[in-house]
Amino acid sequence: MNETAKTRVEVLVIDDDAIMRELMADWLEAAGYRVRQAGDCGTALAEFKRQAPAL
């Protein structure tokens, strides 16, 4: 995947472990992805309903 394509891909990271969630988000952002985060099911569902991520 080229850099231009990656910048358009949005990922929703869901994990109740804040440290792991932040690490994954940091890694994905450094790789050029747009990242949203959720720490629980309720937040994840709300984020998904607001805008479905690519991944």
Protein backbone atom coordinates (compact mmCIF):
# COMPACT_ATOMS: atom_id res chain seq x y z
CA MET A 1 0.00 0.00 0.00
CA ASN A 2 1.47 3.36 -0.94
CA GLU A 3 1.71 6.31 1.44
CA THR A 4 -1.19 8.21 -0.17
CA ALA A 5 -3.54 5.25 0.19
CA LYS A 6 -2.55 4.67 3.83
CA THR A 7 -3.29 8.25 4.84
CA ARG A 8 -6.89 7.75 3.79
CA VAL A 9 -7.37 4.58 5.83
CA GLU A 10 -8.90 5.04 9.26
CA VAL A 11 -8.46 2.40 11.94
CA LEU A 12 -10.47 1.97 15.14
CA VAL A 13 -8.30 0.50 17.89
CA ILE A 14 -10.33 -1.17 20.64
CA ASP A 15 -8.66 -2.42 23.80
CA ASP A 16 -9.50 -2.05 27.47
CA ASP A 17 -5.79 -1.93 28.30
CA ALA A 18 -4.93 1.75 27.85
CA ILE A 19 -1.18 1.15 27.49
CA MET A 20 -1.64 -1.46 24.74
CA ARG A 21 -4.24 0.71 22.99
CA GLU A 22 -1.90 3.72 23.01
CA LEU A 23 1.05 1.65 21.78
CA MET A 24 -0.97 0.26 18.88
CA ALA A 25 -2.37 3.70 18.05
CA ASP A 26 1.11 5.25 18.11
CA TRP A 27 2.47 2.51 15.84
CA LEU A 28 -0.38 2.87 13.35
CA GLU A 29 -0.15 6.68 13.32
CA ALA A 30 3.60 6.46 12.71
CA ALA A 31 2.82 4.16 9.76
CA GLY A 32 0.55 6.85 8.30
CA TYR A 33 -2.91 5.69 9.34
CA ARG A 34 -5.61 7.82 10.93
CA VAL A 35 -6.50 6.25 14.27
CA ARG A 36 -9.48 6.45 16.60
CA GLN A 37 -9.50 4.69 19.95
CA ALA A 38 -12.05 3.07 22.22
CA GLY A 39 -11.46 1.57 25.64
CA ASP A 40 -14.75 -0.30 26.02
CA CYS A 41 -17.61 -1.80 24.02
CA GLY A 42 -19.96 1.15 24.48
CA THR A 43 -17.41 3.65 23.22
CA ALA A 44 -16.41 1.33 20.37
CA LEU A 45 -20.01 0.94 19.20
CA ALA A 46 -20.60 4.69 19.40
CA GLU A 47 -17.45 5.37 17.36
CA PHE A 48 -18.39 2.71 14.82
CA LYS A 49 -21.90 4.15 14.44
CA ARG A 50 -20.52 7.68 14.11
CA GLN A 51 -18.27 6.61 11.25
CA ALA A 52 -17.38 3.05 10.30
CA PRO A 53 -13.60 2.64 10.06
CA ALA A 54 -11.81 0.87 7.22
CA LEU A 55 -10.24 -1.54 9.73
